[in-house]
Amino acid sequence: STALYMGGIVMLVALLWGLFANILI
């Protein structure tokens, strides 16, 4: 569960950044 939640949080941050940055470009 620890690995899943930590991985999920990192992926959420990366996902939001990726969507925001690509849309901005």
mmCIF file of all heavy atoms, coordinates in Angstrom:
data_MODEL
# 
_entry.id   MODEL 
# 
loop_
_atom_site.group_PDB 
_atom_site.id 
_atom_site.type_symbol 
_atom_site.label_atom_id 
_atom_site.label_alt_id 
_atom_site.label_comp_id 
_atom_site.label_asym_id 
_atom_site.label_entity_id 
_atom_site.label_seq_id 
_atom_site.pdbx_PDB_ins_code 
_atom_site.Cartn_x 
_atom_site.Cartn_y 
_atom_site.Cartn_z 
_atom_site.occupancy 
_atom_site.B_iso_or_equiv 
_atom_site.pdbx_formal_charge 
_atom_site.auth_seq_id 
_atom_site.auth_comp_id 
_atom_site.auth_asym_id 
_atom_site.auth_atom_id 
_atom_site.pdbx_PDB_model_num 
ATOM 1   N N   . SER A 1 1  ? 0.829  -1.209 0.000   1.00 0.00 ? 1  SER A N   1 
ATOM 2   C CA  . SER A 1 1  ? 0.000  0.000  0.000   1.00 0.00 ? 1  SER A CA  1 
ATOM 3   C C   . SER A 1 1  ? 0.863  1.258  0.000   1.00 0.00 ? 1  SER A C   1 
ATOM 4   O O   . SER A 1 1  ? 0.538  2.249  -0.664  1.00 0.00 ? 1  SER A O   1 
ATOM 5   C CB  . SER A 1 1  ? -0.927 0.003  1.217   1.00 0.00 ? 1  SER A CB  1 
ATOM 6   O OG  . SER A 1 1  ? -1.805 -1.099 1.177   1.00 0.00 ? 1  SER A OG  1 
ATOM 7   N N   . THR A 1 2  ? 1.987  1.209  0.715   1.00 0.00 ? 2  THR A N   1 
ATOM 8   C CA  . THR A 1 2  ? 2.882  2.382  0.774   1.00 0.00 ? 2  THR A CA  1 
ATOM 9   C C   . THR A 1 2  ? 3.435  2.707  -0.610  1.00 0.00 ? 2  THR A C   1 
ATOM 10  O O   . THR A 1 2  ? 3.433  3.865  -1.038  1.00 0.00 ? 2  THR A O   1 
ATOM 11  C CB  . THR A 1 2  ? 4.046  2.112  1.748   1.00 0.00 ? 2  THR A CB  1 
ATOM 12  O OG1 . THR A 1 2  ? 3.530  1.806  3.040   1.00 0.00 ? 2  THR A OG1 1 
ATOM 13  C CG2 . THR A 1 2  ? 4.961  3.330  1.826   1.00 0.00 ? 2  THR A CG2 1 
ATOM 14  N N   . ALA A 1 3  ? 3.905  1.673  -1.303  1.00 0.00 ? 3  ALA A N   1 
ATOM 15  C CA  . ALA A 1 3  ? 4.460  1.883  -2.636  1.00 0.00 ? 3  ALA A CA  1 
ATOM 16  C C   . ALA A 1 3  ? 3.392  2.407  -3.594  1.00 0.00 ? 3  ALA A C   1 
ATOM 17  O O   . ALA A 1 3  ? 3.654  3.300  -4.418  1.00 0.00 ? 3  ALA A O   1 
ATOM 18  C CB  . ALA A 1 3  ? 5.054  0.586  -3.168  1.00 0.00 ? 3  ALA A CB  1 
ATOM 19  N N   . LEU A 1 4  ? 2.170  1.870  -3.477  1.00 0.00 ? 4  LEU A N   1 
ATOM 20  C CA  . LEU A 1 4  ? 1.099  2.292  -4.370  1.00 0.00 ? 4  LEU A CA  1 
ATOM 21  C C   . LEU A 1 4  ? 0.718  3.745  -4.146  1.00 0.00 ? 4  LEU A C   1 
ATOM 22  O O   . LEU A 1 4  ? 0.573  4.514  -5.104  1.00 0.00 ? 4  LEU A O   1 
ATOM 23  C CB  . LEU A 1 4  ? -0.128 1.388  -4.175  1.00 0.00 ? 4  LEU A CB  1 
ATOM 24  C CG  . LEU A 1 4  ? -0.010 -0.038 -4.713  1.00 0.00 ? 4  LEU A CG  1 
ATOM 25  C CD1 . LEU A 1 4  ? -1.275 -0.826 -4.407  1.00 0.00 ? 4  LEU A CD1 1 
ATOM 26  C CD2 . LEU A 1 4  ? 0.243  -0.027 -6.212  1.00 0.00 ? 4  LEU A CD2 1 
ATOM 27  N N   . TYR A 1 5  ? 0.555  4.136  -2.888  1.00 0.00 ? 5  TYR A N   1 
ATOM 28  C CA  . TYR A 1 5  ? 0.141  5.517  -2.614  1.00 0.00 ? 5  TYR A CA  1 
ATOM 29  C C   . TYR A 1 5  ? 1.249  6.513  -2.952  1.00 0.00 ? 5  TYR A C   1 
ATOM 30  O O   . TYR A 1 5  ? 0.981  7.588  -3.505  1.00 0.00 ? 5  TYR A O   1 
ATOM 31  C CB  . TYR A 1 5  ? -0.290 5.670  -1.158  1.00 0.00 ? 5  TYR A CB  1 
ATOM 32  C CG  . TYR A 1 5  ? -1.659 5.105  -0.888  1.00 0.00 ? 5  TYR A CG  1 
ATOM 33  C CD1 . TYR A 1 5  ? -1.842 4.070  0.016   1.00 0.00 ? 5  TYR A CD1 1 
ATOM 34  C CD2 . TYR A 1 5  ? -2.783 5.597  -1.560  1.00 0.00 ? 5  TYR A CD2 1 
ATOM 35  C CE1 . TYR A 1 5  ? -3.110 3.535  0.254   1.00 0.00 ? 5  TYR A CE1 1 
ATOM 36  C CE2 . TYR A 1 5  ? -4.051 5.076  -1.329  1.00 0.00 ? 5  TYR A CE2 1 
ATOM 37  C CZ  . TYR A 1 5  ? -4.198 4.038  -0.423  1.00 0.00 ? 5  TYR A CZ  1 
ATOM 38  O OH  . TYR A 1 5  ? -5.444 3.515  -0.198  1.00 0.00 ? 5  TYR A OH  1 
ATOM 39  N N   . MET A 1 6  ? 2.483  6.172  -2.639  1.00 0.00 ? 6  MET A N   1 
ATOM 40  C CA  . MET A 1 6  ? 3.589  7.064  -2.992  1.00 0.00 ? 6  MET A CA  1 
ATOM 41  C C   . MET A 1 6  ? 3.727  7.178  -4.505  1.00 0.00 ? 6  MET A C   1 
ATOM 42  O O   . MET A 1 6  ? 3.895  8.274  -5.053  1.00 0.00 ? 6  MET A O   1 
ATOM 43  C CB  . MET A 1 6  ? 4.902  6.554  -2.381  1.00 0.00 ? 6  MET A CB  1 
ATOM 44  C CG  . MET A 1 6  ? 4.986  6.699  -0.872  1.00 0.00 ? 6  MET A CG  1 
ATOM 45  S SD  . MET A 1 6  ? 6.566  6.115  -0.204  1.00 0.00 ? 6  MET A SD  1 
ATOM 46  C CE  . MET A 1 6  ? 7.707  7.246  -0.993  1.00 0.00 ? 6  MET A CE  1 
ATOM 47  N N   . GLY A 1 7  ? 3.642  6.037  -5.196  1.00 0.00 ? 7  GLY A N   1 
ATOM 48  C CA  . GLY A 1 7  ? 3.705  6.061  -6.651  1.00 0.00 ? 7  GLY A CA  1 
ATOM 49  C C   . GLY A 1 7  ? 2.542  6.823  -7.261  1.00 0.00 ? 7  GLY A C   1 
ATOM 50  O O   . GLY A 1 7  ? 2.708  7.579  -8.226  1.00 0.00 ? 7  GLY A O   1 
ATOM 51  N N   . GLY A 1 8  ? 1.342  6.644  -6.680  1.00 0.00 ? 8  GLY A N   1 
ATOM 52  C CA  . GLY A 1 8  ? 0.162  7.347  -7.182  1.00 0.00 ? 8  GLY A CA  1 
ATOM 53  C C   . GLY A 1 8  ? 0.283  8.859  -7.031  1.00 0.00 ? 8  GLY A C   1 
ATOM 54  O O   . GLY A 1 8  ? -0.093 9.614  -7.934  1.00 0.00 ? 8  GLY A O   1 
ATOM 55  N N   . ILE A 1 9  ? 0.819  9.300  -5.901  1.00 0.00 ? 9  ILE A N   1 
ATOM 56  C CA  . ILE A 1 9  ? 0.971  10.742 -5.658  1.00 0.00 ? 9  ILE A CA  1 
ATOM 57  C C   . ILE A 1 9  ? 1.983  11.351 -6.633  1.00 0.00 ? 9  ILE A C   1 
ATOM 58  O O   . ILE A 1 9  ? 1.747  12.412 -7.224  1.00 0.00 ? 9  ILE A O   1 
ATOM 59  C CB  . ILE A 1 9  ? 1.395  11.000 -4.193  1.00 0.00 ? 9  ILE A CB  1 
ATOM 60  C CG1 . ILE A 1 9  ? 0.249  10.646 -3.244  1.00 0.00 ? 9  ILE A CG1 1 
ATOM 61  C CG2 . ILE A 1 9  ? 1.818  12.461 -4.007  1.00 0.00 ? 9  ILE A CG2 1 
ATOM 62  C CD1 . ILE A 1 9  ? 0.630  10.683 -1.785  1.00 0.00 ? 9  ILE A CD1 1 
ATOM 63  N N   . VAL A 1 10 ? 3.122  10.664 -6.811  1.00 0.00 ? 10 VAL A N   1 
ATOM 64  C CA  . VAL A 1 10 ? 4.137  11.162 -7.750  1.00 0.00 ? 10 VAL A CA  1 
ATOM 65  C C   . VAL A 1 10 ? 3.572  11.206 -9.168  1.00 0.00 ? 10 VAL A C   1 
ATOM 66  O O   . VAL A 1 10 ? 3.776  12.179 -9.913  1.00 0.00 ? 10 VAL A O   1 
ATOM 67  C CB  . VAL A 1 10 ? 5.401  10.287 -7.696  1.00 0.00 ? 10 VAL A CB  1 
ATOM 68  C CG1 . VAL A 1 10 ? 6.394  10.717 -8.777  1.00 0.00 ? 10 VAL A CG1 1 
ATOM 69  C CG2 . VAL A 1 10 ? 6.056  10.373 -6.324  1.00 0.00 ? 10 VAL A CG2 1 
ATOM 70  N N   . MET A 1 11 ? 2.829  10.162 -9.544  1.00 0.00 ? 11 MET A N   1 
ATOM 71  C CA  . MET A 1 11 ? 2.249  10.129 -10.886 1.00 0.00 ? 11 MET A CA  1 
ATOM 72  C C   . MET A 1 11 ? 1.192  11.209 -11.066 1.00 0.00 ? 11 MET A C   1 
ATOM 73  O O   . MET A 1 11 ? 1.051  11.769 -12.152 1.00 0.00 ? 11 MET A O   1 
ATOM 74  C CB  . MET A 1 11 ? 1.641  8.752  -11.156 1.00 0.00 ? 11 MET A CB  1 
ATOM 75  C CG  . MET A 1 11 ? 2.669  7.669  -11.398 1.00 0.00 ? 11 MET A CG  1 
ATOM 76  S SD  . MET A 1 11 ? 1.959  6.161  -12.111 1.00 0.00 ? 11 MET A SD  1 
ATOM 77  C CE  . MET A 1 11 ? 1.528  6.732  -13.748 1.00 0.00 ? 11 MET A CE  1 
ATOM 78  N N   . LEU A 1 12 ? 0.449  11.510 -9.990  1.00 0.00 ? 12 LEU A N   1 
ATOM 79  C CA  . LEU A 1 12 ? -0.561 12.574 -10.066 1.00 0.00 ? 12 LEU A CA  1 
ATOM 80  C C   . LEU A 1 12 ? 0.098  13.922 -10.325 1.00 0.00 ? 12 LEU A C   1 
ATOM 81  O O   . LEU A 1 12 ? -0.352 14.691 -11.189 1.00 0.00 ? 12 LEU A O   1 
ATOM 82  C CB  . LEU A 1 12 ? -1.371 12.614 -8.776  1.00 0.00 ? 12 LEU A CB  1 
ATOM 83  C CG  . LEU A 1 12 ? -2.414 13.743 -8.660  1.00 0.00 ? 12 LEU A CG  1 
ATOM 84  C CD1 . LEU A 1 12 ? -3.451 13.643 -9.780  1.00 0.00 ? 12 LEU A CD1 1 
ATOM 85  C CD2 . LEU A 1 12 ? -3.086 13.721 -7.297  1.00 0.00 ? 12 LEU A CD2 1 
ATOM 86  N N   . VAL A 1 13 ? 1.176  14.210 -9.589  1.00 0.00 ? 13 VAL A N   1 
ATOM 87  C CA  . VAL A 1 13 ? 1.900  15.470 -9.791  1.00 0.00 ? 13 VAL A CA  1 
ATOM 88  C C   . VAL A 1 13 ? 2.471  15.541 -11.206 1.00 0.00 ? 13 VAL A C   1 
ATOM 89  O O   . VAL A 1 13 ? 2.349  16.560 -11.902 1.00 0.00 ? 13 VAL A O   1 
ATOM 90  C CB  . VAL A 1 13 ? 3.026  15.614 -8.746  1.00 0.00 ? 13 VAL A CB  1 
ATOM 91  C CG1 . VAL A 1 13 ? 3.875  16.846 -9.043  1.00 0.00 ? 13 VAL A CG1 1 
ATOM 92  C CG2 . VAL A 1 13 ? 2.448  15.689 -7.340  1.00 0.00 ? 13 VAL A CG2 1 
ATOM 93  N N   . ALA A 1 14 ? 3.083  14.438 -11.646 1.00 0.00 ? 14 ALA A N   1 
ATOM 94  C CA  . ALA A 1 14 ? 3.661  14.401 -12.993 1.00 0.00 ? 14 ALA A CA  1 
ATOM 95  C C   . ALA A 1 14 ? 2.579  14.542 -14.057 1.00 0.00 ? 14 ALA A C   1 
ATOM 96  O O   . ALA A 1 14 ? 2.766  15.229 -15.069 1.00 0.00 ? 14 ALA A O   1 
ATOM 97  C CB  . ALA A 1 14 ? 4.437  13.102 -13.197 1.00 0.00 ? 14 ALA A CB  1 
ATOM 98  N N   . LEU A 1 15 ? 1.425  13.903 -13.829 1.00 0.00 ? 15 LEU A N   1 
ATOM 99  C CA  . LEU A 1 15 ? 0.321  13.972 -14.790 1.00 0.00 ? 15 LEU A CA  1 
ATOM 100 C C   . LEU A 1 15 ? -0.199 15.400 -14.925 1.00 0.00 ? 15 LEU A C   1 
ATOM 101 O O   . LEU A 1 15 ? -0.391 15.911 -16.039 1.00 0.00 ? 15 LEU A O   1 
ATOM 102 C CB  . LEU A 1 15 ? -0.809 13.044 -14.349 1.00 0.00 ? 15 LEU A CB  1 
ATOM 103 C CG  . LEU A 1 15 ? -2.091 13.076 -15.186 1.00 0.00 ? 15 LEU A CG  1 
ATOM 104 C CD1 . LEU A 1 15 ? -1.827 12.553 -16.590 1.00 0.00 ? 15 LEU A CD1 1 
ATOM 105 C CD2 . LEU A 1 15 ? -3.187 12.244 -14.513 1.00 0.00 ? 15 LEU A CD2 1 
ATOM 106 N N   . LEU A 1 16 ? -0.408 16.066 -13.790 1.00 0.00 ? 16 LEU A N   1 
ATOM 107 C CA  . LEU A 1 16 ? -0.907 17.445 -13.828 1.00 0.00 ? 16 LEU A CA  1 
ATOM 108 C C   . LEU A 1 16 ? 0.093  18.366 -14.504 1.00 0.00 ? 16 LEU A C   1 
ATOM 109 O O   . LEU A 1 16 ? -0.287 19.243 -15.291 1.00 0.00 ? 16 LEU A O   1 
ATOM 110 C CB  . LEU A 1 16 ? -1.209 17.921 -12.403 1.00 0.00 ? 16 LEU A CB  1 
ATOM 111 C CG  . LEU A 1 16 ? -2.368 17.206 -11.686 1.00 0.00 ? 16 LEU A CG  1 
ATOM 112 C CD1 . LEU A 1 16 ? -2.499 17.708 -10.246 1.00 0.00 ? 16 LEU A CD1 1 
ATOM 113 C CD2 . LEU A 1 16 ? -3.674 17.408 -12.437 1.00 0.00 ? 16 LEU A CD2 1 
ATOM 114 N N   . TRP A 1 17 ? 1.374  18.180 -14.178 1.00 0.00 ? 17 TRP A N   1 
ATOM 115 C CA  . TRP A 1 17 ? 2.400  18.998 -14.830 1.00 0.00 ? 17 TRP A CA  1 
ATOM 116 C C   . TRP A 1 17 ? 2.425  18.746 -16.331 1.00 0.00 ? 17 TRP A C   1 
ATOM 117 O O   . TRP A 1 17 ? 2.476  19.692 -17.127 1.00 0.00 ? 17 TRP A O   1 
ATOM 118 C CB  . TRP A 1 17 ? 3.774  18.710 -14.227 1.00 0.00 ? 17 TRP A CB  1 
ATOM 119 C CG  . TRP A 1 17 ? 4.888  19.027 -15.184 1.00 0.00 ? 17 TRP A CG  1 
ATOM 120 C CD1 . TRP A 1 17 ? 5.651  18.140 -15.897 1.00 0.00 ? 17 TRP A CD1 1 
ATOM 121 C CD2 . TRP A 1 17 ? 5.343  20.322 -15.593 1.00 0.00 ? 17 TRP A CD2 1 
ATOM 122 N NE1 . TRP A 1 17 ? 6.551  18.783 -16.705 1.00 0.00 ? 17 TRP A NE1 1 
ATOM 123 C CE2 . TRP A 1 17 ? 6.378  20.132 -16.544 1.00 0.00 ? 17 TRP A CE2 1 
ATOM 124 C CE3 . TRP A 1 17 ? 4.972  21.620 -15.247 1.00 0.00 ? 17 TRP A CE3 1 
ATOM 125 C CZ2 . TRP A 1 17 ? 7.043  21.195 -17.139 1.00 0.00 ? 17 TRP A CZ2 1 
ATOM 126 C CZ3 . TRP A 1 17 ? 5.642  22.682 -15.851 1.00 0.00 ? 17 TRP A CZ3 1 
ATOM 127 C CH2 . TRP A 1 17 ? 6.663  22.467 -16.772 1.00 0.00 ? 17 TRP A CH2 1 
ATOM 128 N N   . GLY A 1 18 ? 2.414  17.476 -16.725 1.00 0.00 ? 18 GLY A N   1 
ATOM 129 C CA  . GLY A 1 18 ? 2.496  17.146 -18.141 1.00 0.00 ? 18 GLY A CA  1 
ATOM 130 C C   . GLY A 1 18 ? 1.333  17.713 -18.938 1.00 0.00 ? 18 GLY A C   1 
ATOM 131 O O   . GLY A 1 18 ? 1.526  18.272 -20.018 1.00 0.00 ? 18 GLY A O   1 
ATOM 132 N N   . LEU A 1 19 ? 0.117  17.576 -18.404 1.00 0.00 ? 19 LEU A N   1 
ATOM 133 C CA  . LEU A 1 19 ? -1.056 18.112 -19.088 1.00 0.00 ? 19 LEU A CA  1 
ATOM 134 C C   . LEU A 1 19 ? -0.989 19.635 -19.165 1.00 0.00 ? 19 LEU A C   1 
ATOM 135 O O   . LEU A 1 19 ? -1.233 20.232 -20.221 1.00 0.00 ? 19 LEU A O   1 
ATOM 136 C CB  . LEU A 1 19 ? -2.336 17.672 -18.377 1.00 0.00 ? 19 LEU A CB  1 
ATOM 137 C CG  . LEU A 1 19 ? -2.687 16.180 -18.471 1.00 0.00 ? 19 LEU A CG  1 
ATOM 138 C CD1 . LEU A 1 19 ? -3.891 15.865 -17.586 1.00 0.00 ? 19 LEU A CD1 1 
ATOM 139 C CD2 . LEU A 1 19 ? -2.963 15.779 -19.911 1.00 0.00 ? 19 LEU A CD2 1 
ATOM 140 N N   . PHE A 1 20 ? -0.646 20.257 -18.036 1.00 0.00 ? 20 PHE A N   1 
ATOM 141 C CA  . PHE A 1 20 ? -0.567 21.722 -18.004 1.00 0.00 ? 20 PHE A CA  1 
ATOM 142 C C   . PHE A 1 20 ? 0.479  22.246 -18.979 1.00 0.00 ? 20 PHE A C   1 
ATOM 143 O O   . PHE A 1 20 ? 0.219  23.162 -19.775 1.00 0.00 ? 20 PHE A O   1 
ATOM 144 C CB  . PHE A 1 20 ? -0.231 22.183 -16.586 1.00 0.00 ? 20 PHE A CB  1 
ATOM 145 C CG  . PHE A 1 20 ? 0.207  23.625 -16.509 1.00 0.00 ? 20 PHE A CG  1 
ATOM 146 C CD1 . PHE A 1 20 ? -0.726 24.648 -16.582 1.00 0.00 ? 20 PHE A CD1 1 
ATOM 147 C CD2 . PHE A 1 20 ? 1.551  23.949 -16.364 1.00 0.00 ? 20 PHE A CD2 1 
ATOM 148 C CE1 . PHE A 1 20 ? -0.323 25.980 -16.523 1.00 0.00 ? 20 PHE A CE1 1 
ATOM 149 C CE2 . PHE A 1 20 ? 1.965  25.265 -16.299 1.00 0.00 ? 20 PHE A CE2 1 
ATOM 150 C CZ  . PHE A 1 20 ? 1.020  26.286 -16.384 1.00 0.00 ? 20 PHE A CZ  1 
ATOM 151 N N   . ALA A 1 21 ? 1.680  21.663 -18.959 1.00 0.00 ? 21 ALA A N   1 
ATOM 152 C CA  . ALA A 1 21 ? 2.780  22.161 -19.782 1.00 0.00 ? 21 ALA A CA  1 
ATOM 153 C C   . ALA A 1 21 ? 2.505  21.947 -21.269 1.00 0.00 ? 21 ALA A C   1 
ATOM 154 O O   . ALA A 1 21 ? 2.756  22.836 -22.088 1.00 0.00 ? 21 ALA A O   1 
ATOM 155 C CB  . ALA A 1 21 ? 4.081  21.470 -19.374 1.00 0.00 ? 21 ALA A CB  1 
ATOM 156 N N   . ASN A 1 22 ? 1.968  20.780 -21.633 1.00 0.00 ? 22 ASN A N   1 
ATOM 157 C CA  . ASN A 1 22 ? 1.673  20.529 -23.049 1.00 0.00 ? 22 ASN A CA  1 
ATOM 158 C C   . ASN A 1 22 ? 0.557  21.435 -23.557 1.00 0.00 ? 22 ASN A C   1 
ATOM 159 O O   . ASN A 1 22 ? 0.621  21.943 -24.674 1.00 0.00 ? 22 ASN A O   1 
ATOM 160 C CB  . ASN A 1 22 ? 1.287  19.060 -23.250 1.00 0.00 ? 22 ASN A CB  1 
ATOM 161 C CG  . ASN A 1 22 ? 2.481  18.139 -23.358 1.00 0.00 ? 22 ASN A CG  1 
ATOM 162 O OD1 . ASN A 1 22 ? 3.198  18.145 -24.348 1.00 0.00 ? 22 ASN A OD1 1 
ATOM 163 N ND2 . ASN A 1 22 ? 2.705  17.349 -22.312 1.00 0.00 ? 22 ASN A ND2 1 
ATOM 164 N N   . ILE A 1 23 ? -0.468 21.639 -22.734 1.00 0.00 ? 23 ILE A N   1 
ATOM 165 C CA  . ILE A 1 23 ? -1.559 22.539 -23.119 1.00 0.00 ? 23 ILE A CA  1 
ATOM 166 C C   . ILE A 1 23 ? -1.045 23.971 -23.243 1.00 0.00 ? 23 ILE A C   1 
ATOM 167 O O   . ILE A 1 23 ? -1.446 24.721 -24.142 1.00 0.00 ? 23 ILE A O   1 
ATOM 168 C CB  . ILE A 1 23 ? -2.727 22.451 -22.117 1.00 0.00 ? 23 ILE A CB  1 
ATOM 169 C CG1 . ILE A 1 23 ? -3.399 21.067 -22.219 1.00 0.00 ? 23 ILE A CG1 1 
ATOM 170 C CG2 . ILE A 1 23 ? -3.758 23.539 -22.373 1.00 0.00 ? 23 ILE A CG2 1 
ATOM 171 C CD1 . ILE A 1 23 ? -4.443 20.810 -21.164 1.00 0.00 ? 23 ILE A CD1 1 
ATOM 172 N N   . LEU A 1 24 ? -0.145 24.356 -22.343 1.00 0.00 ? 24 LEU A N   1 
ATOM 173 C CA  . LEU A 1 24 ? 0.449  25.698 -22.403 1.00 0.00 ? 24 LEU A CA  1 
ATOM 174 C C   . LEU A 1 24 ? 1.229  25.885 -23.704 1.00 0.00 ? 24 LEU A C   1 
ATOM 175 O O   . LEU A 1 24 ? 1.093  26.920 -24.370 1.00 0.00 ? 24 LEU A O   1 
ATOM 176 C CB  . LEU A 1 24 ? 1.374  25.911 -21.208 1.00 0.00 ? 24 LEU A CB  1 
ATOM 177 C CG  . LEU A 1 24 ? 2.151  27.238 -21.179 1.00 0.00 ? 24 LEU A CG  1 
ATOM 178 C CD1 . LEU A 1 24 ? 1.179  28.417 -21.084 1.00 0.00 ? 24 LEU A CD1 1 
ATOM 179 C CD2 . LEU A 1 24 ? 3.143  27.258 -20.018 1.00 0.00 ? 24 LEU A CD2 1 
ATOM 180 N N   . ILE A 1 25 ? 2.035  24.882 -24.077 1.00 0.00 ? 25 ILE A N   1 
ATOM 181 C CA  . ILE A 1 25 ? 2.789  24.967 -25.333 1.00 0.00 ? 25 ILE A CA  1 
ATOM 182 C C   . ILE A 1 25 ? 1.840  25.097 -26.515 1.00 0.00 ? 25 ILE A C   1 
ATOM 183 O O   . ILE A 1 25 ? 2.049  25.923 -27.427 1.00 0.00 ? 25 ILE A O   1 
ATOM 184 C CB  . ILE A 1 25 ? 3.686  23.726 -25.509 1.00 0.00 ? 25 ILE A CB  1 
ATOM 185 C CG1 . ILE A 1 25 ? 4.726  23.624 -24.397 1.00 0.00 ? 25 ILE A CG1 1 
ATOM 186 C CG2 . ILE A 1 25 ? 4.363  23.745 -26.879 1.00 0.00 ? 25 ILE A CG2 1 
ATOM 187 C CD1 . ILE A 1 25 ? 5.783  24.674 -24.409 1.00 0.00 ? 25 ILE A CD1 1 
# 
